[in-house]
């Protein structure tokens, strides 16, 4: 999961982190995005999150989400649902998600 944590040790601010919303469409290109979701930091954990696919296809939803998310922060995560997804190797699924998020984390470091 990609999110901004509160910490005095971090070198970035929520504002810097939220600028990465503009990079999500480019980051998502050439990736299998069917298991990726976006949600606002204040959204309940078990609420229905916006799929990345829907976010990218619907400019109105993208605009609405971005306007809300920049008020606090956003999260980007990869999910597998028991009754929906057949994941043979959950460790690989998780590692793949972490590896795919690295380019976004690297942008924060710059």
N, C-alpha and C. Protein backbone atom coordinates (compact mmCIF):
# COMPACT_ATOMS: atom_id res chain seq x y z
N UNK A 1 0.84 -1.16 0.00
CA UNK A 1 0.00 0.00 0.00
C UNK A 1 0.89 1.23 0.00
N UNK A 2 0.51 2.22 -0.75
CA UNK A 2 1.25 3.47 -0.88
C UNK A 2 0.50 4.54 -0.12
N UNK A 3 1.12 5.10 0.91
CA UNK A 3 0.47 6.16 1.66
C UNK A 3 1.51 7.03 2.35
N UNK A 4 1.08 8.21 2.78
CA UNK A 4 1.94 9.12 3.50
C UNK A 4 1.75 8.89 5.00
N UNK A 5 2.83 8.54 5.70
CA UNK A 5 2.76 8.35 7.14
C UNK A 5 3.22 9.61 7.83
N UNK A 6 2.59 9.91 8.97
CA UNK A 6 3.02 11.06 9.77
C UNK A 6 4.30 10.69 10.50
N UNK A 7 5.31 11.49 10.33
CA UNK A 7 6.57 11.23 11.02
C UNK A 7 7.47 12.44 10.88
N UNK A 8 8.12 12.77 11.98
CA UNK A 8 9.08 13.89 11.93
C UNK A 8 10.31 13.50 11.12
N UNK A 9 10.53 12.21 10.94
CA UNK A 9 11.72 11.73 10.24
C UNK A 9 11.56 11.75 8.73
N UNK A 10 10.35 11.91 8.26
CA UNK A 10 10.13 11.93 6.81
C UNK A 10 10.61 13.25 6.24
N UNK A 11 11.13 13.21 5.05
CA UNK A 11 11.62 14.42 4.42
C UNK A 11 10.58 15.10 3.55
N UNK A 12 9.43 14.47 3.40
CA UNK A 12 8.41 15.04 2.53
C UNK A 12 7.19 15.46 3.35
N UNK A 13 6.33 16.19 2.72
CA UNK A 13 5.10 16.65 3.36
C UNK A 13 3.91 15.99 2.67
N UNK A 14 2.73 16.04 3.30
CA UNK A 14 1.54 15.51 2.61
C UNK A 14 1.30 16.20 1.27
N UNK A 15 1.63 17.47 1.19
CA UNK A 15 1.44 18.20 -0.07
C UNK A 15 2.34 17.64 -1.17
N UNK A 16 3.60 17.37 -0.83
CA UNK A 16 4.53 16.78 -1.81
C UNK A 16 4.05 15.40 -2.23
N UNK A 17 3.61 14.63 -1.26
CA UNK A 17 3.10 13.29 -1.53
C UNK A 17 1.88 13.37 -2.45
N UNK A 18 0.96 14.27 -2.16
CA UNK A 18 -0.27 14.37 -2.95
C UNK A 18 -0.02 14.81 -4.39
N UNK A 19 1.09 15.45 -4.65
CA UNK A 19 1.44 15.82 -6.03
C UNK A 19 1.61 14.57 -6.90
N UNK A 20 1.88 13.44 -6.25
CA UNK A 20 2.06 12.19 -7.00
C UNK A 20 0.75 11.68 -7.60
N UNK A 21 -0.38 12.23 -7.19
CA UNK A 21 -1.64 11.86 -7.83
C UNK A 21 -1.56 12.10 -9.33
N UNK A 22 -0.88 13.15 -9.72
CA UNK A 22 -0.74 13.47 -11.15
C UNK A 22 0.10 12.42 -11.88
N UNK A 23 0.92 11.68 -11.15
CA UNK A 23 1.78 10.65 -11.76
C UNK A 23 1.12 9.29 -11.86
N UNK A 24 0.00 9.11 -11.20
CA UNK A 24 -0.66 7.79 -11.18
C UNK A 24 -1.00 7.30 -12.59
N UNK A 25 -1.59 8.12 -13.47
CA UNK A 25 -1.90 7.61 -14.82
C UNK A 25 -0.66 7.11 -15.57
N UNK A 26 0.44 7.82 -15.48
CA UNK A 26 1.68 7.39 -16.15
C UNK A 26 2.22 6.12 -15.49
N UNK A 27 2.22 6.10 -14.17
CA UNK A 27 2.68 4.92 -13.43
C UNK A 27 1.87 3.68 -13.82
N UNK A 28 0.57 3.85 -14.03
CA UNK A 28 -0.33 2.72 -14.31
C UNK A 28 -0.18 2.14 -15.71
N UNK A 29 0.41 2.92 -16.63
CA UNK A 29 0.58 2.42 -18.00
C UNK A 29 1.42 1.15 -17.99
N UNK A 30 1.05 0.21 -18.83
CA UNK A 30 1.76 -1.06 -18.99
C UNK A 30 1.80 -1.91 -17.71
N UNK A 31 0.83 -1.68 -16.83
CA UNK A 31 0.70 -2.50 -15.62
C UNK A 31 -0.66 -3.17 -15.64
N UNK A 32 -0.72 -4.33 -15.05
CA UNK A 32 -2.02 -4.98 -14.84
C UNK A 32 -2.63 -4.29 -13.62
N UNK A 33 -3.69 -3.53 -13.83
CA UNK A 33 -4.23 -2.70 -12.75
C UNK A 33 -5.55 -3.23 -12.18
N UNK A 34 -5.92 -4.43 -12.54
CA UNK A 34 -7.22 -4.94 -12.11
C UNK A 34 -7.36 -5.09 -10.60
N UNK A 35 -6.28 -5.23 -9.87
CA UNK A 35 -6.35 -5.40 -8.42
C UNK A 35 -5.98 -4.15 -7.64
N UNK A 36 -5.83 -3.03 -8.33
CA UNK A 36 -5.40 -1.80 -7.67
C UNK A 36 -6.58 -0.89 -7.38
N UNK A 37 -6.52 -0.24 -6.20
CA UNK A 37 -7.60 0.65 -5.75
C UNK A 37 -7.01 1.90 -5.13
N UNK A 38 -7.78 2.98 -5.21
CA UNK A 38 -7.44 4.26 -4.60
C UNK A 38 -8.51 4.60 -3.57
N UNK A 39 -8.10 5.26 -2.50
CA UNK A 39 -9.09 5.77 -1.56
C UNK A 39 -8.49 6.92 -0.76
N UNK A 40 -9.38 7.74 -0.25
CA UNK A 40 -9.01 8.88 0.57
C UNK A 40 -8.56 8.38 1.94
N UNK A 41 -7.62 9.08 2.52
CA UNK A 41 -7.07 8.69 3.83
C UNK A 41 -8.17 8.54 4.89
N UNK A 42 -9.20 9.34 4.81
CA UNK A 42 -10.26 9.32 5.82
C UNK A 42 -11.37 8.32 5.51
N UNK A 43 -11.28 7.65 4.38
CA UNK A 43 -12.31 6.69 4.01
C UNK A 43 -12.20 5.45 4.90
N UNK A 44 -13.33 4.90 5.25
CA UNK A 44 -13.35 3.72 6.11
C UNK A 44 -12.63 2.55 5.44
N UNK A 45 -11.97 1.75 6.23
CA UNK A 45 -11.16 0.64 5.71
C UNK A 45 -11.96 -0.33 4.85
N UNK A 46 -13.19 -0.61 5.25
CA UNK A 46 -13.97 -1.61 4.52
C UNK A 46 -14.98 -1.00 3.55
N UNK A 47 -14.84 0.27 3.27
CA UNK A 47 -15.70 0.91 2.28
C UNK A 47 -15.31 0.41 0.89
N UNK A 48 -16.22 0.54 -0.05
CA UNK A 48 -15.89 0.19 -1.44
C UNK A 48 -14.96 1.26 -1.99
N UNK A 49 -13.74 0.88 -2.27
CA UNK A 49 -12.76 1.83 -2.79
C UNK A 49 -12.89 1.95 -4.31
N UNK A 50 -12.40 3.04 -4.83
CA UNK A 50 -12.43 3.31 -6.26
C UNK A 50 -11.36 2.47 -6.95
N UNK A 51 -11.77 1.67 -7.91
CA UNK A 51 -10.76 0.88 -8.63
C UNK A 51 -9.89 1.81 -9.47
N UNK A 52 -8.64 1.47 -9.58
CA UNK A 52 -7.72 2.27 -10.39
C UNK A 52 -8.18 2.31 -11.83
N UNK A 53 -8.70 1.21 -12.31
CA UNK A 53 -9.22 1.14 -13.67
C UNK A 53 -10.33 2.16 -13.89
N UNK A 54 -11.27 2.22 -12.96
CA UNK A 54 -12.38 3.18 -13.05
C UNK A 54 -11.87 4.62 -12.94
N UNK A 55 -10.93 4.84 -12.03
CA UNK A 55 -10.32 6.16 -11.85
C UNK A 55 -9.70 6.65 -13.15
N UNK A 56 -8.99 5.77 -13.84
CA UNK A 56 -8.30 6.17 -15.07
C UNK A 56 -9.24 6.36 -16.25
N UNK A 57 -10.33 5.63 -16.28
CA UNK A 57 -11.26 5.71 -17.41
C UNK A 57 -12.27 6.84 -17.30
N UNK A 58 -12.58 7.27 -16.10
CA UNK A 58 -13.64 8.26 -15.88
C UNK A 58 -13.03 9.56 -15.36
N UNK A 59 -12.87 10.55 -16.23
CA UNK A 59 -12.21 11.80 -15.84
C UNK A 59 -12.98 12.54 -14.75
N UNK A 60 -14.30 12.42 -14.73
CA UNK A 60 -15.08 13.08 -13.68
C UNK A 60 -14.78 12.45 -12.32
N UNK A 61 -14.72 11.14 -12.26
CA UNK A 61 -14.38 10.47 -11.00
C UNK A 61 -12.95 10.80 -10.58
N UNK A 62 -12.06 10.90 -11.56
CA UNK A 62 -10.68 11.24 -11.28
C UNK A 62 -10.59 12.64 -10.67
N UNK A 63 -11.30 13.58 -11.27
CA UNK A 63 -11.30 14.95 -10.77
C UNK A 63 -11.89 15.03 -9.37
N UNK A 64 -13.03 14.38 -9.17
CA UNK A 64 -13.69 14.39 -7.87
C UNK A 64 -12.80 13.75 -6.81
N UNK A 65 -12.20 12.62 -7.14
CA UNK A 65 -11.31 11.95 -6.18
C UNK A 65 -10.13 12.84 -5.84
N UNK A 66 -9.48 13.41 -6.83
CA UNK A 66 -8.31 14.25 -6.60
C UNK A 66 -8.64 15.45 -5.72
N UNK A 67 -9.78 16.07 -5.96
CA UNK A 67 -10.18 17.23 -5.16
C UNK A 67 -10.37 16.86 -3.69
N UNK A 68 -10.95 15.70 -3.44
CA UNK A 68 -11.15 15.25 -2.06
C UNK A 68 -9.84 14.77 -1.44
N UNK A 69 -9.08 14.02 -2.19
CA UNK A 69 -7.86 13.40 -1.65
C UNK A 69 -6.82 14.44 -1.23
N UNK A 70 -6.70 15.52 -1.98
CA UNK A 70 -5.66 16.50 -1.63
C UNK A 70 -6.00 17.28 -0.36
N UNK A 71 -7.22 17.16 0.12
CA UNK A 71 -7.57 17.81 1.39
C UNK A 71 -6.88 17.11 2.55
N UNK A 72 -6.61 15.84 2.41
CA UNK A 72 -5.90 15.09 3.45
C UNK A 72 -4.74 14.35 2.80
N UNK A 73 -5.02 13.20 2.25
CA UNK A 73 -4.03 12.38 1.57
C UNK A 73 -4.77 11.22 0.91
N UNK A 74 -4.04 10.41 0.16
CA UNK A 74 -4.67 9.28 -0.52
C UNK A 74 -3.86 8.02 -0.29
N UNK A 75 -4.49 6.90 -0.57
CA UNK A 75 -3.81 5.61 -0.48
C UNK A 75 -4.02 4.89 -1.80
N UNK A 76 -3.03 4.13 -2.18
CA UNK A 76 -3.09 3.29 -3.37
C UNK A 76 -2.69 1.90 -2.93
N UNK A 77 -3.54 0.92 -3.20
CA UNK A 77 -3.24 -0.42 -2.74
C UNK A 77 -3.69 -1.49 -3.72
N UNK A 78 -3.10 -2.64 -3.55
CA UNK A 78 -3.41 -3.80 -4.39
C UNK A 78 -4.14 -4.82 -3.51
N UNK A 79 -5.33 -5.21 -3.93
CA UNK A 79 -6.15 -6.12 -3.13
C UNK A 79 -6.48 -7.39 -3.88
N UNK A 80 -6.65 -8.45 -3.13
CA UNK A 80 -7.20 -9.71 -3.65
C UNK A 80 -8.39 -10.05 -2.76
N UNK A 81 -9.52 -10.31 -3.37
CA UNK A 81 -10.73 -10.63 -2.63
C UNK A 81 -10.99 -12.13 -2.69
N UNK A 82 -11.23 -12.73 -1.53
CA UNK A 82 -11.39 -14.18 -1.43
C UNK A 82 -12.41 -14.76 -2.40
N UNK A 83 -13.56 -14.17 -2.48
CA UNK A 83 -14.63 -14.72 -3.32
C UNK A 83 -14.53 -14.32 -4.78
N UNK A 84 -13.53 -13.53 -5.11
CA UNK A 84 -13.44 -12.98 -6.47
C UNK A 84 -12.14 -13.35 -7.17
N UNK A 85 -11.02 -13.28 -6.47
CA UNK A 85 -9.70 -13.46 -7.09
C UNK A 85 -9.10 -14.81 -6.70
N UNK A 86 -8.47 -15.44 -7.66
CA UNK A 86 -7.77 -16.70 -7.41
C UNK A 86 -6.26 -16.41 -7.43
N UNK A 87 -5.68 -16.28 -6.25
CA UNK A 87 -4.25 -16.00 -6.12
C UNK A 87 -3.57 -17.28 -5.65
N UNK A 88 -2.70 -17.82 -6.47
CA UNK A 88 -2.01 -19.06 -6.12
C UNK A 88 -0.89 -18.83 -5.11
N UNK A 89 -0.16 -17.74 -5.26
CA UNK A 89 0.98 -17.46 -4.39
C UNK A 89 0.80 -16.06 -3.80
N UNK A 90 0.24 -15.99 -2.60
CA UNK A 90 -0.06 -14.69 -1.98
C UNK A 90 1.22 -13.92 -1.68
N UNK A 91 2.29 -14.58 -1.29
CA UNK A 91 3.54 -13.88 -1.04
C UNK A 91 4.03 -13.18 -2.30
N UNK A 92 3.95 -13.85 -3.43
CA UNK A 92 4.38 -13.25 -4.69
C UNK A 92 3.46 -12.09 -5.06
N UNK A 93 2.17 -12.22 -4.81
CA UNK A 93 1.21 -11.16 -5.07
C UNK A 93 1.58 -9.90 -4.28
N UNK A 94 1.92 -10.09 -3.01
CA UNK A 94 2.29 -8.97 -2.14
C UNK A 94 3.62 -8.37 -2.58
N UNK A 95 4.62 -9.20 -2.83
CA UNK A 95 5.92 -8.71 -3.28
C UNK A 95 5.82 -7.94 -4.59
N UNK A 96 5.00 -8.45 -5.50
CA UNK A 96 4.80 -7.76 -6.77
C UNK A 96 4.20 -6.37 -6.54
N UNK A 97 3.25 -6.27 -5.64
CA UNK A 97 2.65 -4.97 -5.33
C UNK A 97 3.67 -3.99 -4.79
N UNK A 98 4.51 -4.45 -3.88
CA UNK A 98 5.55 -3.60 -3.30
C UNK A 98 6.52 -3.15 -4.39
N UNK A 99 6.96 -4.07 -5.22
CA UNK A 99 7.89 -3.73 -6.30
C UNK A 99 7.28 -2.72 -7.27
N UNK A 100 6.00 -2.88 -7.56
CA UNK A 100 5.36 -1.95 -8.48
C UNK A 100 5.22 -0.55 -7.89
N UNK A 101 5.15 -0.45 -6.56
CA UNK A 101 5.03 0.86 -5.92
C UNK A 101 6.37 1.59 -5.80
N UNK A 102 7.48 0.88 -5.94
CA UNK A 102 8.80 1.49 -5.77
C UNK A 102 9.01 2.76 -6.60
N UNK A 103 8.61 2.80 -7.88
CA UNK A 103 8.83 4.04 -8.63
C UNK A 103 8.15 5.26 -8.01
N UNK A 104 7.00 5.06 -7.38
CA UNK A 104 6.32 6.18 -6.73
C UNK A 104 7.08 6.61 -5.47
N UNK A 105 7.54 5.65 -4.69
CA UNK A 105 8.32 5.99 -3.50
C UNK A 105 9.63 6.68 -3.89
N UNK A 106 10.24 6.26 -4.98
CA UNK A 106 11.48 6.89 -5.43
C UNK A 106 11.25 8.34 -5.83
N UNK A 107 10.10 8.65 -6.37
CA UNK A 107 9.81 10.05 -6.73
C UNK A 107 9.74 10.94 -5.50
N UNK A 108 9.29 10.39 -4.38
CA UNK A 108 9.23 11.17 -3.14
C UNK A 108 10.64 11.51 -2.68
N UNK A 109 11.57 10.60 -2.86
CA UNK A 109 12.95 10.79 -2.41
C UNK A 109 13.65 11.92 -3.15
N UNK A 110 13.21 12.21 -4.37
CA UNK A 110 13.91 13.21 -5.19
C UNK A 110 13.56 14.61 -4.79
